[in-house]
């Protein structure tokens, strides 16, 4: 399992990113679960867990309205597979990474491919 946290995005862009990952991998979220904005003046963080598998559905590039900050956290193989799936659909910029014995965390900025 790997966790994906999205910030700095509209609820529509968050739904788009999660939709790409949901099409590729099993998730802890039901298919009708979409990001919702909360009332108030604070930044939203949307999270979901995915179970990356060897066989996944590849996707064509998908447009986003803006950019999305994504943090991927989990086992090395799981994070790498999530990264691959995201990079087929979006332009991906690495912002940083931290590695441990069993897990790694990768910070990304996703945007539309040109």
C-alpha atoms as a PDB file:
ATOM      1  CA  UNK A   1       0.000   0.000   0.000  1.00  0.00           C
ATOM      2  CA  UNK A   2       1.030   3.564  -0.625  1.00  0.00           C
ATOM      3  CA  UNK A   3      -0.602   6.804   0.449  1.00  0.00           C
ATOM      4  CA  UNK A   4      -1.176   9.721  -1.899  1.00  0.00           C
ATOM      5  CA  UNK A   5      -1.802  13.179  -0.431  1.00  0.00           C
ATOM      6  CA  UNK A   6      -2.844  16.019  -2.743  1.00  0.00           C
ATOM      7  CA  UNK A   7      -2.714  19.736  -1.885  1.00  0.00           C
ATOM      8  CA  UNK A   8      -2.820  23.064  -3.692  1.00  0.00           C
ATOM      9  CA  UNK A   9      -5.432  21.821  -6.140  1.00  0.00           C
ATOM     10  CA  UNK A  10      -9.045  22.375  -6.987  1.00  0.00           C
ATOM     11  CA  UNK A  11     -11.378  19.564  -6.030  1.00  0.00           C
ATOM     12  CA  UNK A  12     -11.784  18.860  -9.764  1.00  0.00           C
ATOM     13  CA  UNK A  13      -8.030  18.451 -10.295  1.00  0.00           C
ATOM     14  CA  UNK A  14      -7.773  16.278  -7.186  1.00  0.00           C
ATOM     15  CA  UNK A  15     -10.600  14.110  -8.559  1.00  0.00           C
ATOM     16  CA  UNK A  16      -8.775  13.868 -11.910  1.00  0.00           C
ATOM     17  CA  UNK A  17      -5.526  12.707 -10.291  1.00  0.00           C
ATOM     18  CA  UNK A  18      -7.310  10.187  -8.079  1.00  0.00           C
ATOM     19  CA  UNK A  19      -9.294   9.015 -11.118  1.00  0.00           C
ATOM     20  CA  UNK A  20      -6.086   8.188 -12.985  1.00  0.00           C
ATOM     21  CA  UNK A  21      -4.746   6.250 -10.013  1.00  0.00           C
ATOM     22  CA  UNK A  22      -8.104   4.548  -9.352  1.00  0.00           C
ATOM     23  CA  UNK A  23      -8.188   3.340 -12.980  1.00  0.00           C
ATOM     24  CA  UNK A  24      -4.717   1.847 -12.558  1.00  0.00           C
ATOM     25  CA  UNK A  25      -4.744   0.442  -9.017  1.00  0.00           C
ATOM     26  CA  UNK A  26      -7.107  -0.782  -6.285  1.00  0.00           C
ATOM     27  CA  UNK A  27      -7.849   1.873  -3.635  1.00  0.00           C
ATOM     28  CA  UNK A  28      -9.352   2.186  -0.174  1.00  0.00           C
ATOM     29  CA  UNK A  29     -11.961   4.626  -1.512  1.00  0.00           C
ATOM     30  CA  UNK A  30     -15.302   3.674  -3.088  1.00  0.00           C
ATOM     31  CA  UNK A  31     -15.693   4.553  -6.775  1.00  0.00           C
ATOM     32  CA  UNK A  32     -18.253   7.291  -6.024  1.00  0.00           C
ATOM     33  CA  UNK A  33     -15.988   8.990  -3.443  1.00  0.00           C
ATOM     34  CA  UNK A  34     -14.858  12.342  -4.844  1.00  0.00           C
ATOM     35  CA  UNK A  35     -12.923  15.140  -3.143  1.00  0.00           C
ATOM     36  CA  UNK A  36     -15.109  17.669  -1.360  1.00  0.00           C
ATOM     37  CA  UNK A  37     -14.165  21.164  -0.283  1.00  0.00           C
ATOM     38  CA  UNK A  38     -14.683  22.084   3.358  1.00  0.00           C
ATOM     39  CA  UNK A  39     -16.086  25.391   4.518  1.00  0.00           C
ATOM     40  CA  UNK A  40     -13.570  27.799   5.975  1.00  0.00           C
ATOM     41  CA  UNK A  41     -10.366  29.492   5.009  1.00  0.00           C
ATOM     42  CA  UNK A  42      -7.810  26.686   5.060  1.00  0.00           C
ATOM     43  CA  UNK A  43      -5.984  24.547   2.544  1.00  0.00           C
ATOM     44  CA  UNK A  44      -7.535  21.224   1.655  1.00  0.00           C
ATOM     45  CA  UNK A  45      -5.569  17.973   1.726  1.00  0.00           C
ATOM     46  CA  UNK A  46      -7.045  14.964  -0.038  1.00  0.00           C
ATOM     47  CA  UNK A  47      -5.702  11.494   0.771  1.00  0.00           C
ATOM     48  CA  UNK A  48      -6.209   7.970  -0.508  1.00  0.00           C
ATOM     49  CA  UNK A  49      -4.373   4.670  -0.279  1.00  0.00           C
ATOM     50  CA  UNK A  50      -3.581   2.589  -3.343  1.00  0.00           C
ATOM     51  CA  UNK A  51      -2.356  -0.973  -3.783  1.00  0.00           C
ATOM     52  CA  UNK A  52      -0.036  -0.818  -6.800  1.00  0.00           C
ATOM     53  CA  UNK A  53       0.152  -3.990  -8.853  1.00  0.00           C
ATOM     54  CA  UNK A  54       2.363  -5.091 -11.693  1.00  0.00           C
ATOM     55  CA  UNK A  55      -0.408  -4.983 -14.257  1.00  0.00           C
ATOM     56  CA  UNK A  56      -2.014  -1.610 -14.642  1.00  0.00           C
ATOM     57  CA  UNK A  57      -3.989   0.308 -17.196  1.00  0.00           C
ATOM     58  CA  UNK A  58      -1.943   2.937 -19.025  1.00  0.00           C
ATOM     59  CA  UNK A  59      -3.590   6.249 -19.717  1.00  0.00           C
ATOM     60  CA  UNK A  60      -3.158   9.024 -22.221  1.00  0.00           C
ATOM     61  CA  UNK A  61      -2.170  12.509 -21.013  1.00  0.00           C
ATOM     62  CA  UNK A  62      -5.013  14.143 -19.098  1.00  0.00           C
ATOM     63  CA  UNK A  63      -5.358  17.918 -18.668  1.00  0.00           C
ATOM     64  CA  UNK A  64      -5.474  19.654 -15.292  1.00  0.00           C
ATOM     65  CA  UNK A  65      -6.880  23.135 -14.678  1.00  0.00           C
ATOM     66  CA  UNK A  66      -3.856  24.052 -12.552  1.00  0.00           C
ATOM     67  CA  UNK A  67      -1.001  22.316 -10.810  1.00  0.00           C
ATOM     68  CA  UNK A  68      -1.302  19.794  -8.004  1.00  0.00           C
ATOM     69  CA  UNK A  69       1.169  19.061  -5.207  1.00  0.00           C
ATOM     70  CA  UNK A  70       1.352  15.337  -4.507  1.00  0.00           C
ATOM     71  CA  UNK A  71       3.140  13.401  -1.798  1.00  0.00           C
ATOM     72  CA  UNK A  72       3.574   9.666  -2.358  1.00  0.00           C
ATOM     73  CA  UNK A  73       4.498   7.616   0.691  1.00  0.00           C
ATOM     74  CA  UNK A  74       4.951   3.868   1.069  1.00  0.00           C
ATOM     75  CA  UNK A  75       7.155   0.970   0.066  1.00  0.00           C
ATOM     76  CA  UNK A  76       9.769   1.579  -2.604  1.00  0.00           C
ATOM     77  CA  UNK A  77       8.084  -0.515  -5.300  1.00  0.00           C
ATOM     78  CA  UNK A  78       4.610   0.882  -4.574  1.00  0.00           C
ATOM     79  CA  UNK A  79       5.789   4.503  -4.717  1.00  0.00           C
ATOM     80  CA  UNK A  80       7.697   3.856  -7.944  1.00  0.00           C
ATOM     81  CA  UNK A  81       4.611   2.311  -9.566  1.00  0.00           C
ATOM     82  CA  UNK A  82       2.409   5.241  -8.506  1.00  0.00           C
ATOM     83  CA  UNK A  83       5.018   7.632  -9.890  1.00  0.00           C
ATOM     84  CA  UNK A  84       5.048   5.788 -13.235  1.00  0.00           C
ATOM     85  CA  UNK A  85       1.260   5.917 -13.495  1.00  0.00           C
ATOM     86  CA  UNK A  86       1.186   9.641 -12.722  1.00  0.00           C
ATOM     87  CA  UNK A  87       3.981  10.410 -15.186  1.00  0.00           C
ATOM     88  CA  UNK A  88       2.067   8.797 -18.063  1.00  0.00           C
ATOM     89  CA  UNK A  89      -0.907  11.112 -17.487  1.00  0.00           C
ATOM     90  CA  UNK A  90       0.736  14.333 -16.252  1.00  0.00           C
ATOM     91  CA  UNK A  91       3.905  16.389 -16.445  1.00  0.00           C
ATOM     92  CA  UNK A  92       5.776  15.605 -13.215  1.00  0.00           C
ATOM     93  CA  UNK A  93       8.380  17.738 -11.454  1.00  0.00           C
ATOM     94  CA  UNK A  94      10.302  16.237  -8.520  1.00  0.00           C
ATOM     95  CA  UNK A  95      10.425  18.511  -5.504  1.00  0.00           C
ATOM     96  CA  UNK A  96      12.078  16.231  -3.030  1.00  0.00           C
ATOM     97  CA  UNK A  97      12.391  12.760  -1.593  1.00  0.00           C
ATOM     98  CA  UNK A  98      13.177  11.081   1.695  1.00  0.00           C
ATOM     99  CA  UNK A  99      14.111   7.426   2.051  1.00  0.00           C
ATOM    100  CA  UNK A 100      14.113   5.030   4.974  1.00  0.00           C
ATOM    101  CA  UNK A 101      14.741   1.335   5.450  1.00  0.00           C
ATOM    102  CA  UNK A 102      11.334   0.158   4.252  1.00  0.00           C
ATOM    103  CA  UNK A 103       9.593   3.261   2.881  1.00  0.00           C
ATOM    104  CA  UNK A 104      10.164   6.338   0.869  1.00  0.00           C
ATOM    105  CA  UNK A 105       8.348   9.618   0.426  1.00  0.00           C
ATOM    106  CA  UNK A 106       8.373  11.618  -2.795  1.00  0.00           C
ATOM    107  CA  UNK A 107       7.069  15.163  -3.244  1.00  0.00           C
ATOM    108  CA  UNK A 108       5.877  16.035  -6.746  1.00  0.00           C
ATOM    109  CA  UNK A 109       4.236  18.842  -8.684  1.00  0.00           C
ATOM    110  CA  UNK A 110       1.767  17.589 -11.325  1.00  0.00           C
ATOM    111  CA  UNK A 111       0.574  19.661 -14.272  1.00  0.00           C
ATOM    112  CA  UNK A 112      -0.795  19.130 -17.765  1.00  0.00           C
ATOM    113  CA  UNK A 113       1.570  17.729 -20.367  1.00  0.00           C
ATOM    114  CA  UNK A 114       2.244  20.113 -23.236  1.00  0.00           C
END
